PDB file of N, CA and C in Angstrom:
ATOM      1  N   MET A   1    -193.626   0.980 -45.499  1.00  0.00           N
ATOM      2  CA  MET A   1    -192.797   1.671 -44.635  1.00  0.00           C
ATOM      3  C   MET A   1    -192.348   2.679 -45.729  1.00  0.00           C
ATOM      4  N   ASN A   2    -192.049   3.967 -45.301  1.00  0.00           N
ATOM      5  CA  ASN A   2    -191.692   5.014 -46.251  1.00  0.00           C
ATOM      6  C   ASN A   2    -190.254   5.008 -45.922  1.00  0.00           C
ATOM      7  N   SER A   3    -189.751   4.992 -47.098  1.00  0.00           N
ATOM      8  CA  SER A   3    -188.191   4.747 -46.969  1.00  0.00           C
ATOM      9  C   SER A   3    -187.254   5.881 -46.584  1.00  0.00           C
ATOM     10  N   HIS A   4    -187.849   7.188 -46.513  1.00  0.00           N
ATOM     11  CA  HIS A   4    -187.137   8.108 -45.927  1.00  0.00           C
ATOM     12  C   HIS A   4    -186.920   8.197 -44.200  1.00  0.00           C
ATOM     13  N   ILE A   5    -187.811   7.538 -43.940  1.00  0.00           N
ATOM     14  CA  ILE A   5    -187.756   7.095 -42.428  1.00  0.00           C
ATOM     15  C   ILE A   5    -186.676   6.233 -41.944  1.00  0.00           C
ATOM     16  N   ARG A   6    -186.798   5.089 -42.908  1.00  0.00           N
ATOM     17  CA  ARG A   6    -185.809   3.541 -42.668  1.00  0.00           C
ATOM     18  C   ARG A   6    -184.651   4.221 -42.832  1.00  0.00           C
ATOM     19  N   ASP A   7    -184.289   5.212 -43.874  1.00  0.00           N
ATOM     20  CA  ASP A   7    -182.943   5.843 -43.714  1.00  0.00           C
ATOM     21  C   ASP A   7    -182.230   6.639 -42.642  1.00  0.00           C
ATOM     22  N   LEU A   8    -183.367   6.880 -41.569  1.00  0.00           N
ATOM     23  CA  LEU A   8    -182.768   7.832 -40.563  1.00  0.00           C
ATOM     24  C   LEU A   8    -181.875   6.374 -39.738  1.00  0.00           C
ATOM     25  N   PRO A   9    -180.920   6.874 -38.832  1.00  0.00           N
ATOM     26  CA  PRO A   9    -180.309   6.299 -37.706  1.00  0.00           C
ATOM     27  C   PRO A   9    -181.421   5.817 -37.028  1.00  0.00           C
ATOM     28  N   VAL A  10    -180.907   4.608 -36.511  1.00  0.00           N
ATOM     29  CA  VAL A  10    -182.085   4.353 -35.371  1.00  0.00           C
ATOM     30  C   VAL A  10    -182.567   5.391 -33.920  1.00  0.00           C
ATOM     31  N   ASP A  11    -181.355   6.025 -33.346  1.00  0.00           N
ATOM     32  CA  ASP A  11    -181.932   6.908 -32.303  1.00  0.00           C
ATOM     33  C   ASP A  11    -182.733   7.933 -32.761  1.00  0.00           C
ATOM     34  N   GLN A  12    -182.675   8.434 -34.086  1.00  0.00           N
ATOM     35  CA  GLN A  12    -183.877   9.828 -34.499  1.00  0.00           C
ATOM     36  C   GLN A  12    -185.027   8.799 -34.865  1.00  0.00           C
ATOM     37  N   ARG A  13    -184.875   7.781 -35.387  1.00  0.00           N
ATOM     38  CA  ARG A  13    -186.292   6.994 -35.578  1.00  0.00           C
ATOM     39  C   ARG A  13    -187.293   6.763 -34.267  1.00  0.00           C
ATOM     40  N   LEU A  14    -185.859   6.547 -33.158  1.00  0.00           N
ATOM     41  CA  LEU A  14    -186.675   6.676 -31.925  1.00  0.00           C
ATOM     42  C   LEU A  14    -187.363   7.696 -31.325  1.00  0.00           C
ATOM     43  N   ARG A  15    -186.488   8.702 -31.554  1.00  0.00           N
ATOM     44  CA  ARG A  15    -186.770  10.068 -30.979  1.00  0.00           C
ATOM     45  C   ARG A  15    -188.278  10.586 -31.607  1.00  0.00           C
ATOM     46  N   LEU A  16    -188.216  10.243 -33.057  1.00  0.00           N
ATOM     47  CA  LEU A  16    -189.698  10.187 -33.988  1.00  0.00           C
ATOM     48  C   LEU A  16    -190.571   9.594 -33.087  1.00  0.00           C
ATOM     49  N   VAL A  17    -190.524   8.374 -32.851  1.00  0.00           N
ATOM     50  CA  VAL A  17    -191.653   7.537 -32.147  1.00  0.00           C
ATOM     51  C   VAL A  17    -192.085   8.007 -31.059  1.00  0.00           C
ATOM     52  N   GLU A  18    -191.027   8.646 -30.133  1.00  0.00           N
ATOM     53  CA  GLU A  18    -191.462   9.262 -28.728  1.00  0.00           C
ATOM     54  C   GLU A  18    -192.188  10.586 -28.686  1.00  0.00           C
ATOM     55  N   ASP A  19    -191.787  11.396 -29.995  1.00  0.00           N
ATOM     56  CA  ASP A  19    -192.191  12.918 -30.268  1.00  0.00           C
ATOM     57  C   ASP A  19    -193.909  12.273 -30.689  1.00  0.00           C
ATOM     58  N   LEU A  20    -194.040  11.519 -31.387  1.00  0.00           N
ATOM     59  CA  LEU A  20    -195.392  10.743 -32.058  1.00  0.00           C
ATOM     60  C   LEU A  20    -196.504  10.496 -30.694  1.00  0.00           C
ATOM     61  N   TRP A  21    -195.465   9.231 -29.917  1.00  0.00           N
ATOM     62  CA  TRP A  21    -196.711   9.016 -28.710  1.00  0.00           C
ATOM     63  C   TRP A  21    -196.809  10.176 -28.195  1.00  0.00           C
ATOM     64  N   ASP A  22    -195.903  11.065 -27.674  1.00  0.00           N
ATOM     65  CA  ASP A  22    -196.430  12.546 -26.833  1.00  0.00           C
ATOM     66  C   ASP A  22    -197.319  13.000 -27.561  1.00  0.00           C
ATOM     67  N   SER A  23    -197.384  13.339 -28.838  1.00  0.00           N
ATOM     68  CA  SER A  23    -198.340  13.858 -29.348  1.00  0.00           C
ATOM     69  C   SER A  23    -199.809  13.086 -29.190  1.00  0.00           C
ATOM     70  N   ILE A  24    -199.851  11.898 -29.525  1.00  0.00           N
ATOM     71  CA  ILE A  24    -200.940  11.094 -29.146  1.00  0.00           C
ATOM     72  C   ILE A  24    -201.316  11.212 -27.770  1.00  0.00           C
ATOM     73  N   ALA A  25    -200.537  11.091 -26.904  1.00  0.00           N
ATOM     74  CA  ALA A  25    -200.672  11.197 -25.549  1.00  0.00           C
ATOM     75  C   ALA A  25    -201.694  12.845 -24.914  1.00  0.00           C
ATOM     76  N   ALA A  26    -201.068  13.557 -25.816  1.00  0.00           N
ATOM     77  CA  ALA A  26    -201.817  14.953 -25.470  1.00  0.00           C
ATOM     78  C   ALA A  26    -203.118  15.224 -25.853  1.00  0.00           C
ATOM     79  N   ASP A  27    -203.192  14.503 -26.929  1.00  0.00           N
ATOM     80  CA  ASP A  27    -204.421  14.507 -27.571  1.00  0.00           C
ATOM     81  C   ASP A  27    -205.793  13.347 -27.305  1.00  0.00           C
ATOM     82  N   GLN A  28    -205.201  12.761 -25.887  1.00  0.00           N
ATOM     83  CA  GLN A  28    -205.695  11.390 -26.012  1.00  0.00           C
ATOM     84  C   GLN A  28    -207.555  11.695 -25.714  1.00  0.00           C
ATOM     85  N   GLY A  29    -207.904  12.443 -25.451  1.00  0.00           N
ATOM     86  CA  GLY A  29    -209.259  12.731 -25.045  1.00  0.00           C
ATOM     87  C   GLY A  29    -210.079  12.950 -26.648  1.00  0.00           C
ATOM     88  N   ASN A  30    -209.412  13.101 -27.597  1.00  0.00           N
ATOM     89  CA  ASN A  30    -209.856  12.871 -28.876  1.00  0.00           C
ATOM     90  C   ASN A  30    -209.696  11.738 -29.564  1.00  0.00           C
ATOM     91  N   VAL A  31    -209.465  10.466 -28.773  1.00  0.00           N
ATOM     92  CA  VAL A  31    -209.254   9.280 -29.159  1.00  0.00           C
ATOM     93  C   VAL A  31    -210.582   8.620 -28.799  1.00  0.00           C
ATOM     94  N   GLU A  32    -211.240   8.047 -29.839  1.00  0.00           N
ATOM     95  CA  GLU A  32    -212.621   7.230 -29.572  1.00  0.00           C
ATOM     96  C   GLU A  32    -212.468   6.075 -29.399  1.00  0.00           C
ATOM     97  N   LEU A  33    -212.966   5.288 -28.597  1.00  0.00           N
ATOM     98  CA  LEU A  33    -212.837   3.848 -28.180  1.00  0.00           C
ATOM     99  C   LEU A  33    -213.757   2.994 -29.152  1.00  0.00           C
ATOM    100  N   THR A  34    -213.336   2.079 -29.690  1.00  0.00           N
ATOM    101  CA  THR A  34    -214.208   1.340 -30.615  1.00  0.00           C
ATOM    102  C   THR A  34    -214.964   0.409 -29.748  1.00  0.00           C
ATOM    103  N   ASP A  35    -216.122   0.099 -30.437  1.00  0.00           N
ATOM    104  CA  ASP A  35    -216.868  -1.122 -29.613  1.00  0.00           C
ATOM    105  C   ASP A  35    -216.124  -1.959 -28.969  1.00  0.00           C
ATOM    106  N   ALA A  36    -215.179  -2.674 -30.023  1.00  0.00           N
ATOM    107  CA  ALA A  36    -214.460  -3.905 -29.479  1.00  0.00           C
ATOM    108  C   ALA A  36    -213.535  -3.536 -28.157  1.00  0.00           C
ATOM    109  N   HIS A  37    -213.137  -2.131 -28.310  1.00  0.00           N
ATOM    110  CA  HIS A  37    -212.034  -1.899 -26.850  1.00  0.00           C
ATOM    111  C   HIS A  37    -213.401  -1.896 -25.971  1.00  0.00           C
ATOM    112  N   ARG A  38    -214.256  -1.164 -26.073  1.00  0.00           N
ATOM    113  CA  ARG A  38    -214.961  -0.937 -24.989  1.00  0.00           C
ATOM    114  C   ARG A  38    -215.449  -2.222 -24.534  1.00  0.00           C
ATOM    115  N   GLN A  39    -215.783  -2.935 -25.441  1.00  0.00           N
ATOM    116  CA  GLN A  39    -216.247  -4.623 -24.973  1.00  0.00           C
ATOM    117  C   GLN A  39    -215.135  -5.231 -23.885  1.00  0.00           C
ATOM    118  N   GLU A  40    -213.925  -5.216 -24.337  1.00  0.00           N
ATOM    119  CA  GLU A  40    -212.977  -5.491 -23.858  1.00  0.00           C
ATOM    120  C   GLU A  40    -212.629  -4.897 -22.161  1.00  0.00           C
ATOM    121  N   LEU A  41    -212.497  -3.687 -22.232  1.00  0.00           N
ATOM    122  CA  LEU A  41    -212.471  -2.736 -21.134  1.00  0.00           C
ATOM    123  C   LEU A  41    -213.523  -3.476 -20.135  1.00  0.00           C
ATOM    124  N   ASP A  42    -214.651  -3.536 -20.483  1.00  0.00           N
ATOM    125  CA  ASP A  42    -215.780  -3.884 -19.729  1.00  0.00           C
ATOM    126  C   ASP A  42    -215.674  -5.523 -19.429  1.00  0.00           C
ATOM    127  N   ARG A  43    -215.351  -6.119 -20.300  1.00  0.00           N
ATOM    128  CA  ARG A  43    -214.902  -7.607 -20.075  1.00  0.00           C
ATOM    129  C   ARG A  43    -214.031  -8.074 -18.665  1.00  0.00           C
ATOM    130  N   ARG A  44    -212.738  -7.039 -18.607  1.00  0.00           N
ATOM    131  CA  ARG A  44    -211.974  -6.945 -18.100  1.00  0.00           C
ATOM    132  C   ARG A  44    -212.332  -6.567 -16.546  1.00  0.00           C
ATOM    133  N   LEU A  45    -213.200  -5.602 -16.440  1.00  0.00           N
ATOM    134  CA  LEU A  45    -213.453  -4.728 -15.191  1.00  0.00           C
ATOM    135  C   LEU A  45    -214.508  -5.669 -14.574  1.00  0.00           C
ATOM    136  N   ASP A  46    -215.427  -6.388 -15.253  1.00  0.00           N
ATOM    137  CA  ASP A  46    -215.994  -7.299 -14.725  1.00  0.00           C
ATOM    138  C   ASP A  46    -215.540  -8.757 -14.112  1.00  0.00           C
ATOM    139  N   ALA A  47    -214.314  -8.993 -14.969  1.00  0.00           N
ATOM    140  CA  ALA A  47    -213.543 -10.274 -14.237  1.00  0.00           C
ATOM    141  C   ALA A  47    -212.682  -9.895 -12.788  1.00  0.00           C
ATOM    142  N   TYR A  48    -212.317  -8.278 -12.883  1.00  0.00           N
ATOM    143  CA  TYR A  48    -211.812  -7.693 -11.542  1.00  0.00           C
ATOM    144  C   TYR A  48    -212.777  -8.135 -10.253  1.00  0.00           C
ATOM    145  N   HIS A  49    -213.983  -7.599 -10.821  1.00  0.00           N
ATOM    146  CA  HIS A  49    -215.162  -7.194  -9.769  1.00  0.00           C
ATOM    147  C   HIS A  49    -215.487  -8.841  -9.345  1.00  0.00           C
ATOM    148  N   GLN A  50    -215.111  -9.521 -10.060  1.00  0.00           N
ATOM    149  CA  GLN A  50    -215.458 -11.159  -9.479  1.00  0.00           C
ATOM    150  C   GLN A  50    -214.668 -11.253  -9.160  1.00  0.00           C
ATOM    151  N   ASP A  51    -213.249 -11.576  -9.261  1.00  0.00           N
ATOM    152  CA  ASP A  51    -212.433 -11.983  -8.403  1.00  0.00           C
ATOM    153  C   ASP A  51    -211.594 -11.240  -7.116  1.00  0.00           C
ATOM    154  N   GLN A  52    -211.761  -9.975  -7.521  1.00  0.00           N
ATOM    155  CA  GLN A  52    -211.042  -8.846  -6.587  1.00  0.00           C
ATOM    156  C   GLN A  52    -209.787  -9.148  -6.161  1.00  0.00           C
ATOM    157  N   LEU A  53    -208.807  -9.441  -7.008  1.00  0.00           N
ATOM    158  CA  LEU A  53    -207.354  -9.829  -7.111  1.00  0.00           C
ATOM    159  C   LEU A  53    -206.555  -8.290  -6.763  1.00  0.00           C
ATOM    160  N   PRO A  54    -206.222  -7.766  -6.550  1.00  0.00           N
ATOM    161  CA  PRO A  54    -205.774  -6.843  -6.534  1.00  0.00           C
ATOM    162  C   PRO A  54    -204.294  -6.286  -7.718  1.00  0.00           C
ATOM    163  N   GLY A  55    -204.045  -7.446  -7.916  1.00  0.00           N
ATOM    164  CA  GLY A  55    -202.829  -7.354  -9.084  1.00  0.00           C
ATOM    165  C   GLY A  55    -201.418  -7.235  -7.754  1.00  0.00           C
ATOM    166  N   ALA A  56    -200.502  -7.134  -8.672  1.00  0.00           N
ATOM    167  CA  ALA A  56    -199.402  -7.126  -8.182  1.00  0.00           C
ATOM    168  C   ALA A  56    -198.960  -5.799  -7.783  1.00  0.00           C
ATOM    169  N   ASP A  57    -198.161  -5.457  -7.001  1.00  0.00           N
ATOM    170  CA  ASP A  57    -197.326  -4.248  -6.700  1.00  0.00           C
ATOM    171  C   ASP A  57    -195.986  -3.547  -8.031  1.00  0.00           C
ATOM    172  N   MET A  58    -196.297  -2.426  -8.725  1.00  0.00           N
ATOM    173  CA  MET A  58    -195.601  -2.156  -9.483  1.00  0.00           C
ATOM    174  C   MET A  58    -193.944  -2.639  -9.085  1.00  0.00           C
ATOM    175  N   LEU A  59    -193.637  -2.074  -8.036  1.00  0.00           N
ATOM    176  CA  LEU A  59    -192.002  -2.341  -7.711  1.00  0.00           C
ATOM    177  C   LEU A  59    -191.794  -3.848  -7.905  1.00  0.00           C
ATOM    178  N   GLU A  60    -192.758  -4.889  -7.249  1.00  0.00           N
ATOM    179  CA  GLU A  60    -192.405  -6.116  -7.379  1.00  0.00           C
ATOM    180  C   GLU A  60    -192.460  -6.820  -9.033  1.00  0.00           C
ATOM    181  N   VAL A  61    -193.185  -6.311  -9.695  1.00  0.00           N
ATOM    182  CA  VAL A  61    -193.368  -6.555 -10.979  1.00  0.00           C
ATOM    183  C   VAL A  61    -192.070  -6.169 -11.616  1.00  0.00           C
ATOM    184  N   LEU A  62    -191.580  -4.586 -11.267  1.00  0.00           N
ATOM    185  CA  LEU A  62    -190.295  -4.369 -12.230  1.00  0.00           C
ATOM    186  C   LEU A  62    -189.191  -5.101 -11.633  1.00  0.00           C
ATOM    187  N   ASP A  63    -189.260  -5.299 -10.345  1.00  0.00           N
ATOM    188  CA  ASP A  63    -187.890  -6.559  -9.685  1.00  0.00           C
ATOM    189  C   ASP A  63    -187.903  -7.570 -10.550  1.00  0.00           C
ATOM    190  N   ARG A  64    -189.099  -8.479 -10.754  1.00  0.00           N
ATOM    191  CA  ARG A  64    -189.201  -9.611 -11.550  1.00  0.00           C
ATOM    192  C   ARG A  64    -188.970  -9.527 -13.016  1.00  0.00           C
ATOM    193  N   VAL A  65    -188.892  -8.322 -13.518  1.00  0.00           N
ATOM    194  CA  VAL A  65    -188.953  -8.102 -14.860  1.00  0.00           C
ATOM    195  C   VAL A  65    -187.270  -8.024 -14.889  1.00  0.00           C
ATOM    196  N   ARG A  66    -186.892  -7.028 -14.242  1.00  0.00           N
ATOM    197  CA  ARG A  66    -185.242  -6.977 -14.286  1.00  0.00           C
ATOM    198  C   ARG A  66    -184.448  -8.157 -13.950  1.00  0.00           C
ATOM    199  N   ASN A  67    -184.884  -8.854 -12.785  1.00  0.00           N
ATOM    200  CA  ASN A  67    -184.413 -10.154 -12.404  1.00  0.00           C
ATOM    201  C   ASN A  67    -184.287 -11.134 -13.870  1.00  0.00           C
ATOM    202  N   ARG A  68    -185.397 -11.038 -14.588  1.00  0.00           N
ATOM    203  CA  ARG A  68    -185.394 -11.860 -16.034  1.00  0.00           C
ATOM    204  C   ARG A  68    -184.020 -11.553 -17.059  1.00  0.00           C
ATOM    205  N   LEU A  69    -183.661 -10.326 -17.080  1.00  0.00           N
ATOM    206  CA  LEU A  69    -182.786  -9.969 -17.739  1.00  0.00           C
ATOM    207  C   LEU A  69    -181.408 -10.332 -17.619  1.00  0.00           C
TER     208      LEU A  69
END
């Protein structure tokens, strides 16, 4: 790890991570999937088509997470 980064206060490092993530999200069209990632996505999509389970509502999931805290 870059020692200069480690010397930054946590709040500045968090801001740096957020800025990096935002820059990656803005360029996501330029990110190529690896064969392994593509295979995993295909596997998950196939599993969804087989069982047709819609998953859980986002608000319900958030409530469950919050209740565990």
